[in-house]
């Protein structure tokens, strides 16, 4: 649309990147389409990603990556204790100080 025909001064040259879709209530919105049969966590992830995750496939990849990350961290914490841990060290008490004999004071 030409800017000459636009009387309000609004730039109409930019287009919406995603097509508008109709929600279940009948209202139109321009957001990513998520099937109603998708798992709730995938719908939640798409909704709150701020536009970074655009479809169910990307959401599944993000969830899979998160699971792999958690498993790696768990394995590192379980098996990654290099060498001897603090609990496995044998306790050797310090040498006892020599006991001095206590002599009662002499009575006169």
PDB file of N, CA and C in Angstrom:
ATOM      1  N   UNK A   1       0.841  -1.167   0.000  1.00  0.00           N
ATOM      2  CA  UNK A   1       0.000   0.000   0.000  1.00  0.00           C
ATOM      3  C   UNK A   1       0.888   1.231   0.000  1.00  0.00           C
ATOM      4  N   UNK A   2       0.577   2.182  -0.768  1.00  0.00           N
ATOM      5  CA  UNK A   2       1.366   3.407  -0.852  1.00  0.00           C
ATOM      6  C   UNK A   2       1.166   4.264   0.384  1.00  0.00           C
ATOM      7  N   UNK A   3       2.200   4.978   0.723  1.00  0.00           N
ATOM      8  CA  UNK A   3       2.092   5.911   1.838  1.00  0.00           C
ATOM      9  C   UNK A   3       1.234   7.114   1.447  1.00  0.00           C
ATOM     10  N   UNK A   4       1.094   7.393   0.162  1.00  0.00           N
ATOM     11  CA  UNK A   4       0.288   8.532  -0.279  1.00  0.00           C
ATOM     12  C   UNK A   4      -1.192   8.286   0.002  1.00  0.00           C
ATOM     13  N   UNK A   5      -1.632   7.055  -0.114  1.00  0.00           N
ATOM     14  CA  UNK A   5      -3.028   6.734   0.136  1.00  0.00           C
ATOM     15  C   UNK A   5      -3.342   6.622   1.624  1.00  0.00           C
ATOM     16  N   UNK A   6      -2.327   6.525   2.447  1.00  0.00           N
ATOM     17  CA  UNK A   6      -2.513   6.372   3.881  1.00  0.00           C
ATOM     18  C   UNK A   6      -2.662   7.756   4.498  1.00  0.00           C
ATOM     19  N   UNK A   7      -3.850   8.096   4.949  1.00  0.00           N
ATOM     20  CA  UNK A   7      -4.118   9.444   5.478  1.00  0.00           C
ATOM     21  C   UNK A   7      -3.751   9.568   6.950  1.00  0.00           C
ATOM     22  N   UNK A   8      -3.673   8.456   7.659  1.00  0.00           N
ATOM     23  CA  UNK A   8      -3.401   8.518   9.092  1.00  0.00           C
ATOM     24  C   UNK A   8      -1.912   8.526   9.412  1.00  0.00           C
ATOM     25  N   UNK A   9      -1.062   8.311   8.452  1.00  0.00           N
ATOM     26  CA  UNK A   9       0.375   8.311   8.685  1.00  0.00           C
ATOM     27  C   UNK A   9       0.886   7.025   9.305  1.00  0.00           C
ATOM     28  N   UNK A  10       0.136   5.949   9.212  1.00  0.00           N
ATOM     29  CA  UNK A  10       0.550   4.667   9.771  1.00  0.00           C
ATOM     30  C   UNK A  10       1.283   3.881   8.698  1.00  0.00           C
ATOM     31  N   UNK A  11       2.413   3.299   9.061  1.00  0.00           N
ATOM     32  CA  UNK A  11       3.192   2.511   8.111  1.00  0.00           C
ATOM     33  C   UNK A  11       2.540   1.141   7.955  1.00  0.00           C
ATOM     34  N   UNK A  12       1.971   0.884   6.811  1.00  0.00           N
ATOM     35  CA  UNK A  12       1.295  -0.373   6.558  1.00  0.00           C
ATOM     36  C   UNK A  12       2.142  -1.323   5.727  1.00  0.00           C
ATOM     37  N   UNK A  13       3.408  -1.015   5.537  1.00  0.00           N
ATOM     38  CA  UNK A  13       4.258  -1.849   4.702  1.00  0.00           C
ATOM     39  C   UNK A  13       4.707  -3.126   5.416  1.00  0.00           C
ATOM     40  N   UNK A  14       4.708  -3.103   6.735  1.00  0.00           N
ATOM     41  CA  UNK A  14       5.122  -4.285   7.487  1.00  0.00           C
ATOM     42  C   UNK A  14       3.959  -5.275   7.541  1.00  0.00           C
ATOM     43  N   UNK A  15       4.288  -6.519   7.357  1.00  0.00           N
ATOM     44  CA  UNK A  15       3.266  -7.556   7.405  1.00  0.00           C
ATOM     45  C   UNK A  15       3.442  -8.379   8.669  1.00  0.00           C
ATOM     46  N   UNK A  16       2.403  -8.997   9.085  1.00  0.00           N
ATOM     47  CA  UNK A  16       2.479  -9.892  10.225  1.00  0.00           C
ATOM     48  C   UNK A  16       3.195 -11.151   9.756  1.00  0.00           C
ATOM     49  N   UNK A  17       4.183 -11.580  10.546  1.00  0.00           N
ATOM     50  CA  UNK A  17       5.004 -12.707  10.109  1.00  0.00           C
ATOM     51  C   UNK A  17       4.254 -14.030  10.178  1.00  0.00           C
ATOM     52  N   UNK A  18       3.303 -14.149  11.067  1.00  0.00           N
ATOM     53  CA  UNK A  18       2.547 -15.386  11.186  1.00  0.00           C
ATOM     54  C   UNK A  18       1.098 -15.125  10.804  1.00  0.00           C
ATOM     55  N   UNK A  19       0.461 -16.056  10.136  1.00  0.00           N
ATOM     56  CA  UNK A  19      -0.916 -15.829   9.736  1.00  0.00           C
ATOM     57  C   UNK A  19      -1.846 -15.810  10.938  1.00  0.00           C
ATOM     58  N   UNK A  20      -2.906 -15.045  10.821  1.00  0.00           N
ATOM     59  CA  UNK A  20      -3.889 -14.978  11.893  1.00  0.00           C
ATOM     60  C   UNK A  20      -4.695 -16.264  11.897  1.00  0.00           C
ATOM     61  N   UNK A  21      -4.985 -16.756  13.091  1.00  0.00           N
ATOM     62  CA  UNK A  21      -5.781 -17.961  13.224  1.00  0.00           C
ATOM     63  C   UNK A  21      -6.972 -17.672  14.125  1.00  0.00           C
ATOM     64  N   UNK A  22      -7.922 -18.560  14.116  1.00  0.00           N
ATOM     65  CA  UNK A  22      -9.125 -18.369  14.903  1.00  0.00           C
ATOM     66  C   UNK A  22      -9.082 -19.288  16.115  1.00  0.00           C
ATOM     67  N   UNK A  23      -9.331 -18.732  17.281  1.00  0.00           N
ATOM     68  CA  UNK A  23      -9.301 -19.534  18.496  1.00  0.00           C
ATOM     69  C   UNK A  23     -10.616 -20.282  18.642  1.00  0.00           C
ATOM     70  N   UNK A  24     -10.705 -21.119  19.667  1.00  0.00           N
ATOM     71  CA  UNK A  24     -11.911 -21.895  19.889  1.00  0.00           C
ATOM     72  C   UNK A  24     -13.094 -21.005  20.244  1.00  0.00           C
ATOM     73  N   UNK A  25     -12.840 -19.859  20.845  1.00  0.00           N
ATOM     74  CA  UNK A  25     -13.927 -18.950  21.201  1.00  0.00           C
ATOM     75  C   UNK A  25     -14.386 -18.120  20.017  1.00  0.00           C
ATOM     76  N   UNK A  26     -13.718 -18.256  18.877  1.00  0.00           N
ATOM     77  CA  UNK A  26     -14.122 -17.543  17.674  1.00  0.00           C
ATOM     78  C   UNK A  26     -13.388 -16.234  17.452  1.00  0.00           C
ATOM     79  N   UNK A  27     -12.437 -15.891  18.312  1.00  0.00           N
ATOM     80  CA  UNK A  27     -11.681 -14.650  18.169  1.00  0.00           C
ATOM     81  C   UNK A  27     -10.443 -14.910  17.326  1.00  0.00           C
ATOM     82  N   UNK A  28     -10.039 -13.907  16.545  1.00  0.00           N
ATOM     83  CA  UNK A  28      -8.851 -14.013  15.711  1.00  0.00           C
ATOM     84  C   UNK A  28      -7.647 -13.524  16.487  1.00  0.00           C
ATOM     85  N   UNK A  29      -6.552 -14.242  16.361  1.00  0.00           N
ATOM     86  CA  UNK A  29      -5.303 -13.808  16.965  1.00  0.00           C
ATOM     87  C   UNK A  29      -4.159 -14.251  16.077  1.00  0.00           C
ATOM     88  N   UNK A  30      -3.045 -13.539  16.176  1.00  0.00           N
ATOM     89  CA  UNK A  30      -1.875 -13.916  15.370  1.00  0.00           C
ATOM     90  C   UNK A  30      -0.836 -14.522  16.297  1.00  0.00           C
ATOM     91  N   UNK A  31      -0.916 -15.796  16.463  1.00  0.00           N
ATOM     92  CA  UNK A  31       0.027 -16.507  17.308  1.00  0.00           C
ATOM     93  C   UNK A  31       0.319 -17.853  16.678  1.00  0.00           C
ATOM     94  N   UNK A  32       1.280 -18.559  17.197  1.00  0.00           N
ATOM     95  CA  UNK A  32       1.587 -19.864  16.630  1.00  0.00           C
ATOM     96  C   UNK A  32       0.433 -20.830  16.865  1.00  0.00           C
ATOM     97  N   UNK A  33       0.174 -21.654  15.870  1.00  0.00           N
ATOM     98  CA  UNK A  33      -0.903 -22.621  16.003  1.00  0.00           C
ATOM     99  C   UNK A  33      -0.381 -23.842  16.750  1.00  0.00           C
ATOM    100  N   UNK A  34      -1.106 -24.218  17.770  1.00  0.00           N
ATOM    101  CA  UNK A  34      -0.781 -25.416  18.526  1.00  0.00           C
ATOM    102  C   UNK A  34      -2.037 -26.259  18.557  1.00  0.00           C
ATOM    103  N   UNK A  35      -1.903 -27.494  18.141  1.00  0.00           N
ATOM    104  CA  UNK A  35      -3.082 -28.348  18.101  1.00  0.00           C
ATOM    105  C   UNK A  35      -3.601 -28.587  19.512  1.00  0.00           C
ATOM    106  N   UNK A  36      -4.913 -28.692  19.657  1.00  0.00           N
ATOM    107  CA  UNK A  36      -5.470 -28.907  20.999  1.00  0.00           C
ATOM    108  C   UNK A  36      -5.116 -30.278  21.577  1.00  0.00           C
ATOM    109  N   UNK A  37      -4.635 -31.186  20.748  1.00  0.00           N
ATOM    110  CA  UNK A  37      -4.252 -32.504  21.250  1.00  0.00           C
ATOM    111  C   UNK A  37      -2.794 -32.555  21.703  1.00  0.00           C
ATOM    112  N   UNK A  38      -2.072 -31.452  21.555  1.00  0.00           N
ATOM    113  CA  UNK A  38      -0.668 -31.414  21.982  1.00  0.00           C
ATOM    114  C   UNK A  38      -0.604 -31.499  23.508  1.00  0.00           C
ATOM    115  N   UNK A  39       0.448 -32.113  24.031  1.00  0.00           N
ATOM    116  CA  UNK A  39       0.592 -32.172  25.491  1.00  0.00           C
ATOM    117  C   UNK A  39       0.643 -30.776  26.101  1.00  0.00           C
ATOM    118  N   UNK A  40       0.189 -30.700  27.325  1.00  0.00           N
ATOM    119  CA  UNK A  40       0.079 -29.405  27.993  1.00  0.00           C
ATOM    120  C   UNK A  40       1.430 -28.722  28.164  1.00  0.00           C
ATOM    121  N   UNK A  41       2.479 -29.506  28.420  1.00  0.00           N
ATOM    122  CA  UNK A  41       3.798 -28.892  28.612  1.00  0.00           C
ATOM    123  C   UNK A  41       4.298 -28.260  27.310  1.00  0.00           C
ATOM    124  N   UNK A  42       3.983 -28.865  26.178  1.00  0.00           N
ATOM    125  CA  UNK A  42       4.390 -28.295  24.889  1.00  0.00           C
ATOM    126  C   UNK A  42       3.616 -27.014  24.627  1.00  0.00           C
ATOM    127  N   UNK A  43       2.314 -27.006  24.910  1.00  0.00           N
ATOM    128  CA  UNK A  43       1.525 -25.776  24.735  1.00  0.00           C
ATOM    129  C   UNK A  43       2.040 -24.680  25.664  1.00  0.00           C
ATOM    130  N   UNK A  44       2.382 -25.036  26.904  1.00  0.00           N
ATOM    131  CA  UNK A  44       2.882 -24.063  27.860  1.00  0.00           C
ATOM    132  C   UNK A  44       4.232 -23.502  27.405  1.00  0.00           C
ATOM    133  N   UNK A  45       5.094 -24.375  26.896  1.00  0.00           N
ATOM    134  CA  UNK A  45       6.420 -23.959  26.453  1.00  0.00           C
ATOM    135  C   UNK A  45       6.329 -22.996  25.270  1.00  0.00           C
ATOM    136  N   UNK A  46       5.446 -23.275  24.327  1.00  0.00           N
ATOM    137  CA  UNK A  46       5.273 -22.389  23.176  1.00  0.00           C
ATOM    138  C   UNK A  46       4.704 -21.050  23.628  1.00  0.00           C
ATOM    139  N   UNK A  47       3.761 -21.092  24.536  1.00  0.00           N
ATOM    140  CA  UNK A  47       3.101 -19.863  24.993  1.00  0.00           C
ATOM    141  C   UNK A  47       4.069 -18.934  25.717  1.00  0.00           C
ATOM    142  N   UNK A  48       4.903 -19.494  26.589  1.00  0.00           N
ATOM    143  CA  UNK A  48       5.766 -18.662  27.430  1.00  0.00           C
ATOM    144  C   UNK A  48       7.200 -18.552  26.928  1.00  0.00           C
ATOM    145  N   UNK A  49       7.483 -18.969  25.708  1.00  0.00           N
ATOM    146  CA  UNK A  49       8.854 -18.876  25.196  1.00  0.00           C
ATOM    147  C   UNK A  49       9.168 -17.495  24.642  1.00  0.00           C
ATOM    148  N   UNK A  50       8.197 -16.651  24.536  1.00  0.00           N
ATOM    149  CA  UNK A  50       8.438 -15.314  24.003  1.00  0.00           C
ATOM    150  C   UNK A  50       8.665 -15.311  22.506  1.00  0.00           C
ATOM    151  N   UNK A  51       8.141 -16.293  21.811  1.00  0.00           N
ATOM    152  CA  UNK A  51       8.285 -16.363  20.367  1.00  0.00           C
ATOM    153  C   UNK A  51       9.502 -17.129  19.893  1.00  0.00           C
ATOM    154  N   UNK A  52      10.333 -17.604  20.801  1.00  0.00           N
ATOM    155  CA  UNK A  52      11.520 -18.357  20.391  1.00  0.00           C
ATOM    156  C   UNK A  52      11.153 -19.742  19.881  1.00  0.00           C
ATOM    157  N   UNK A  53      10.139 -20.340  20.477  1.00  0.00           N
ATOM    158  CA  UNK A  53       9.684 -21.662  20.060  1.00  0.00           C
ATOM    159  C   UNK A  53       8.377 -21.467  19.306  1.00  0.00           C
ATOM    160  N   UNK A  54       8.363 -21.890  18.047  1.00  0.00           N
ATOM    161  CA  UNK A  54       7.221 -21.555  17.197  1.00  0.00           C
ATOM    162  C   UNK A  54       6.291 -22.718  16.895  1.00  0.00           C
ATOM    163  N   UNK A  55       6.747 -23.961  17.075  1.00  0.00           N
ATOM    164  CA  UNK A  55       5.864 -25.085  16.782  1.00  0.00           C
ATOM    165  C   UNK A  55       6.153 -26.241  17.729  1.00  0.00           C
ATOM    166  N   UNK A  56       5.344 -27.276  17.586  1.00  0.00           N
ATOM    167  CA  UNK A  56       5.439 -28.411  18.501  1.00  0.00           C
ATOM    168  C   UNK A  56       6.755 -29.168  18.347  1.00  0.00           C
ATOM    169  N   UNK A  57       7.290 -29.222  17.146  1.00  0.00           N
ATOM    170  CA  UNK A  57       8.541 -29.941  16.913  1.00  0.00           C
ATOM    171  C   UNK A  57       9.700 -29.262  17.646  1.00  0.00           C
ATOM    172  N   UNK A  58       9.752 -27.929  17.569  1.00  0.00           N
ATOM    173  CA  UNK A  58      10.796 -27.202  18.284  1.00  0.00           C
ATOM    174  C   UNK A  58      10.647 -27.378  19.792  1.00  0.00           C
ATOM    175  N   UNK A  59       9.415 -27.374  20.268  1.00  0.00           N
ATOM    176  CA  UNK A  59       9.176 -27.561  21.701  1.00  0.00           C
ATOM    177  C   UNK A  59       9.641 -28.949  22.143  1.00  0.00           C
ATOM    178  N   UNK A  60       9.396 -29.956  21.316  1.00  0.00           N
ATOM    179  CA  UNK A  60       9.848 -31.302  21.655  1.00  0.00           C
ATOM    180  C   UNK A  60      11.370 -31.370  21.703  1.00  0.00           C
ATOM    181  N   UNK A  61      12.048 -30.692  20.787  1.00  0.00           N
ATOM    182  CA  UNK A  61      13.512 -30.659  20.808  1.00  0.00           C
ATOM    183  C   UNK A  61      14.031 -29.969  22.073  1.00  0.00           C
ATOM    184  N   UNK A  62      13.379 -28.902  22.486  1.00  0.00           N
ATOM    185  CA  UNK A  62      13.807 -28.190  23.687  1.00  0.00           C
ATOM    186  C   UNK A  62      13.636 -29.081  24.916  1.00  0.00           C
ATOM    187  N   UNK A  63      12.512 -29.765  24.997  1.00  0.00           N
ATOM    188  CA  UNK A  63      12.279 -30.656  26.138  1.00  0.00           C
ATOM    189  C   UNK A  63      13.293 -31.798  26.136  1.00  0.00           C
ATOM    190  N   UNK A  64      13.554 -32.375  24.969  1.00  0.00           N
ATOM    191  CA  UNK A  64      14.545 -33.446  24.868  1.00  0.00           C
ATOM    192  C   UNK A  64      15.933 -32.949  25.285  1.00  0.00           C
ATOM    193  N   UNK A  65      16.315 -31.768  24.830  1.00  0.00           N
ATOM    194  CA  UNK A  65      17.604 -31.194  25.213  1.00  0.00           C
ATOM    195  C   UNK A  65      17.708 -30.950  26.704  1.00  0.00           C
ATOM    196  N   UNK A  66      16.612 -30.490  27.310  1.00  0.00           N
ATOM    197  CA  UNK A  66      16.602 -30.266  28.755  1.00  0.00           C
ATOM    198  C   UNK A  66      16.783 -31.582  29.506  1.00  0.00           C
ATOM    199  N   UNK A  67      16.125 -32.633  29.039  1.00  0.00           N
ATOM    200  CA  UNK A  67      16.247 -33.942  29.694  1.00  0.00           C
ATOM    201  C   UNK A  67      17.681 -34.462  29.583  1.00  0.00           C
ATOM    202  N   UNK A  68      18.292 -34.336  28.409  1.00  0.00           N
ATOM    203  CA  UNK A  68      19.679 -34.776  28.228  1.00  0.00           C
ATOM    204  C   UNK A  68      20.608 -33.985  29.146  1.00  0.00           C
ATOM    205  N   UNK A  69      20.391 -32.677  29.249  1.00  0.00           N
ATOM    206  CA  UNK A  69      21.195 -31.824  30.121  1.00  0.00           C
ATOM    207  C   UNK A  69      21.082 -32.267  31.578  1.00  0.00           C
ATOM    208  N   UNK A  70      19.886 -32.547  32.037  1.00  0.00           N
ATOM    209  CA  UNK A  70      19.682 -32.965  33.423  1.00  0.00           C
ATOM    210  C   UNK A  70      20.337 -34.317  33.691  1.00  0.00           C
ATOM    211  N   UNK A  71      20.252 -35.234  32.738  1.00  0.00           N
ATOM    212  CA  UNK A  71      20.880 -36.542  32.916  1.00  0.00           C
ATOM    213  C   UNK A  71      22.402 -36.402  32.989  1.00  0.00           C
ATOM    214  N   UNK A  72      22.981 -35.569  32.139  1.00  0.00           N
ATOM    215  CA  UNK A  72      24.435 -35.368  32.156  1.00  0.00           C
ATOM    216  C   UNK A  72      24.877 -34.759  33.484  1.00  0.00           C
ATOM    217  N   UNK A  73      24.162 -33.756  33.960  1.00  0.00           N
ATOM    218  CA  UNK A  73      24.509 -33.135  35.247  1.00  0.00           C
ATOM    219  C   UNK A  73      24.376 -34.158  36.380  1.00  0.00           C
ATOM    220  N   UNK A  74      23.321 -34.973  36.343  1.00  0.00           N
ATOM    221  CA  UNK A  74      23.135 -35.989  37.384  1.00  0.00           C
ATOM    222  C   UNK A  74      24.273 -36.999  37.373  1.00  0.00           C
ATOM    223  N   UNK A  75      24.664 -37.475  36.196  1.00  0.00           N
ATOM    224  CA  UNK A  75      25.771 -38.429  36.110  1.00  0.00           C
ATOM    225  C   UNK A  75      27.074 -37.803  36.587  1.00  0.00           C
ATOM    226  N   UNK A  76      27.277 -36.535  36.270  1.00  0.00           N
ATOM    227  CA  UNK A  76      28.483 -35.843  36.721  1.00  0.00           C
ATOM    228  C   UNK A  76      28.511 -35.757  38.244  1.00  0.00           C
ATOM    229  N   UNK A  77      27.370 -35.454  38.852  1.00  0.00           N
ATOM    230  CA  UNK A  77      27.341 -35.335  40.301  1.00  0.00           C
ATOM    231  C   UNK A  77      27.481 -36.687  40.989  1.00  0.00           C
ATOM    232  N   UNK A  78      26.984 -37.742  40.360  1.00  0.00           N
ATOM    233  CA  UNK A  78      27.059 -39.062  40.977  1.00  0.00           C
ATOM    234  C   UNK A  78      28.452 -39.676  40.806  1.00  0.00           C
ATOM    235  N   UNK A  79      28.968 -39.680  39.578  1.00  0.00           N
ATOM    236  CA  UNK A  79      30.221 -40.372  39.286  1.00  0.00           C
ATOM    237  C   UNK A  79      31.426 -39.449  39.137  1.00  0.00           C
ATOM    238  N   UNK A  80      31.240 -38.169  39.135  1.00  0.00           N
ATOM    239  CA  UNK A  80      32.322 -37.250  38.836  1.00  0.00           C
ATOM    240  C   UNK A  80      33.180 -36.847  40.000  1.00  0.00           C
ATOM    241  N   UNK A  81      33.108 -37.570  41.084  1.00  0.00           N
ATOM    242  CA  UNK A  81      33.934 -37.235  42.246  1.00  0.00           C
ATOM    243  C   UNK A  81      35.314 -37.832  42.055  1.00  0.00           C
ATOM    244  N   UNK A  82      36.195 -37.081  41.472  1.00  0.00           N
ATOM    245  CA  UNK A  82      37.530 -37.594  41.182  1.00  0.00           C
ATOM    246  C   UNK A  82      38.302 -37.902  42.447  1.00  0.00           C
ATOM    247  N   UNK A  83      38.830 -39.091  42.531  1.00  0.00           N
ATOM    248  CA  UNK A  83      39.651 -39.464  43.677  1.00  0.00           C
ATOM    249  C   UNK A  83      38.824 -39.818  44.893  1.00  0.00           C
ATOM    250  N   UNK A  84      39.419 -39.586  46.024  1.00  0.00           N
ATOM    251  CA  UNK A  84      38.828 -39.981  47.291  1.00  0.00           C
ATOM    252  C   UNK A  84      37.965 -38.842  47.827  1.00  0.00           C
ATOM    253  N   UNK A  85      36.775 -39.162  48.233  1.00  0.00           N
ATOM    254  CA  UNK A  85      35.912 -38.124  48.773  1.00  0.00           C
ATOM    255  C   UNK A  85      36.193 -37.928  50.262  1.00  0.00           C
ATOM    256  N   UNK A  86      35.613 -36.915  50.825  1.00  0.00           N
ATOM    257  CA  UNK A  86      35.855 -36.599  52.228  1.00  0.00           C
ATOM    258  C   UNK A  86      35.348 -37.704  53.152  1.00  0.00           C
ATOM    259  N   UNK A  87      34.232 -38.338  52.790  1.00  0.00           N
ATOM    260  CA  UNK A  87      33.665 -39.365  53.660  1.00  0.00           C
ATOM    261  C   UNK A  87      34.497 -40.644  53.642  1.00  0.00           C
ATOM    262  N   UNK A  88      35.202 -40.898  52.559  1.00  0.00           N
ATOM    263  CA  UNK A  88      35.957 -42.130  52.438  1.00  0.00           C
ATOM    264  C   UNK A  88      37.336 -42.063  53.103  1.00  0.00           C
ATOM    265  N   UNK A  89      37.799 -40.905  53.436  1.00  0.00           N
ATOM    266  CA  UNK A  89      39.109 -40.776  54.077  1.00  0.00           C
ATOM    267  C   UNK A  89      39.036 -41.368  55.484  1.00  0.00           C
ATOM    268  N   UNK A  90      40.119 -42.057  55.866  1.00  0.00           N
ATOM    269  CA  UNK A  90      40.152 -42.639  57.201  1.00  0.00           C
ATOM    270  C   UNK A  90      40.525 -41.565  58.206  1.00  0.00           C
ATOM    271  N   UNK A  91      39.862 -41.622  59.312  1.00  0.00           N
ATOM    272  CA  UNK A  91      40.107 -40.632  60.356  1.00  0.00           C
ATOM    273  C   UNK A  91      41.239 -41.108  61.247  1.00  0.00           C
ATOM    274  N   UNK A  92      42.258 -40.289  61.377  1.00  0.00           N
ATOM    275  CA  UNK A  92      43.353 -40.597  62.299  1.00  0.00           C
ATOM    276  C   UNK A  92      43.367 -39.490  63.343  1.00  0.00           C
ATOM    277  N   UNK A  93      43.060 -39.850  64.577  1.00  0.00           N
ATOM    278  CA  UNK A  93      43.028 -38.812  65.614  1.00  0.00           C
ATOM    279  C   UNK A  93      44.442 -38.296  65.886  1.00  0.00           C
ATOM    280  N   UNK A  94      44.525 -37.068  66.308  1.00  0.00           N
ATOM    281  CA  UNK A  94      45.850 -36.520  66.613  1.00  0.00           C
ATOM    282  C   UNK A  94      46.446 -37.230  67.831  1.00  0.00           C
ATOM    283  N   UNK A  95      47.752 -37.200  67.903  1.00  0.00           N
ATOM    284  CA  UNK A  95      48.434 -37.838  69.040  1.00  0.00           C
ATOM    285  C   UNK A  95      47.996 -37.143  70.312  1.00  0.00           C
ATOM    286  N   UNK A  96      47.748 -37.975  71.319  1.00  0.00           N
ATOM    287  CA  UNK A  96      47.281 -37.399  72.582  1.00  0.00           C
ATOM    288  C   UNK A  96      48.439 -36.711  73.298  1.00  0.00           C
ATOM    289  N   UNK A  97      48.083 -35.646  73.950  1.00  0.00           N
ATOM    290  CA  UNK A  97      49.085 -34.925  74.732  1.00  0.00           C
ATOM    291  C   UNK A  97      49.416 -35.751  75.963  1.00  0.00           C
ATOM    292  N   UNK A  98      50.673 -35.730  76.391  1.00  0.00           N
ATOM    293  CA  UNK A  98      51.031 -36.514  77.588  1.00  0.00           C
ATOM    294  C   UNK A  98      50.276 -35.978  78.809  1.00  0.00           C
ATOM    295  N   UNK A  99      49.796 -36.910  79.571  1.00  0.00           N
ATOM    296  CA  UNK A  99      49.037 -36.549  80.761  1.00  0.00           C
ATOM    297  C   UNK A  99      50.026 -36.271  81.888  1.00  0.00           C
ATOM    298  N   UNK A 100      49.899 -35.096  82.445  1.00  0.00           N
ATOM    299  CA  UNK A 100      50.776 -34.747  83.567  1.00  0.00           C
ATOM    300  C   UNK A 100      50.116 -35.214  84.849  1.00  0.00           C
ATOM    301  N   UNK A 101      50.946 -35.689  85.723  1.00  0.00           N
ATOM    302  CA  UNK A 101      50.433 -36.156  86.983  1.00  0.00           C
ATOM    303  C   UNK A 101      50.116 -34.965  87.864  1.00  0.00           C
ATOM    304  N   UNK A 102      48.898 -34.970  88.384  1.00  0.00           N
ATOM    305  CA  UNK A 102      48.492 -33.859  89.252  1.00  0.00           C
ATOM    306  C   UNK A 102      48.864 -34.199  90.679  1.00  0.00           C
ATOM    307  N   UNK A 103      49.676 -33.372  91.248  1.00  0.00           N
ATOM    308  CA  UNK A 103      50.143 -33.594  92.621  1.00  0.00           C
ATOM    309  C   UNK A 103      49.344 -32.653  93.538  1.00  0.00           C
ATOM    310  N   UNK A 104      48.691 -33.242  94.538  1.00  0.00           N
ATOM    311  CA  UNK A 104      47.933 -32.336  95.444  1.00  0.00           C
ATOM    312  C   UNK A 104      48.900 -31.475  96.259  1.00  0.00           C
ATOM    313  N   UNK A 105      48.451 -30.300  96.576  1.00  0.00           N
ATOM    314  CA  UNK A 105      49.351 -29.433  97.380  1.00  0.00           C
ATOM    315  C   UNK A 105      49.623 -30.045  98.768  1.00  0.00           C
ATOM    316  N   UNK A 106      50.806 -29.874  99.234  1.00  0.00           N
ATOM    317  CA  UNK A 106      51.181 -30.434 100.530  1.00  0.00           C
ATOM    318  C   UNK A 106      50.556 -29.609 101.647  1.00  0.00           C
ATOM    319  N   UNK A 107      50.114 -30.296 102.652  1.00  0.00           N
ATOM    320  CA  UNK A 107      49.521 -29.584 103.787  1.00  0.00           C
ATOM    321  C   UNK A 107      50.582 -29.439 104.884  1.00  0.00           C
ATOM    322  N   UNK A 108      50.634 -28.326 105.508  1.00  0.00           N
ATOM    323  CA  UNK A 108      51.622 -28.060 106.557  1.00  0.00           C
ATOM    324  C   UNK A 108      51.060 -28.278 107.881  1.00  0.00           C
TER     325      UNK A 108
END
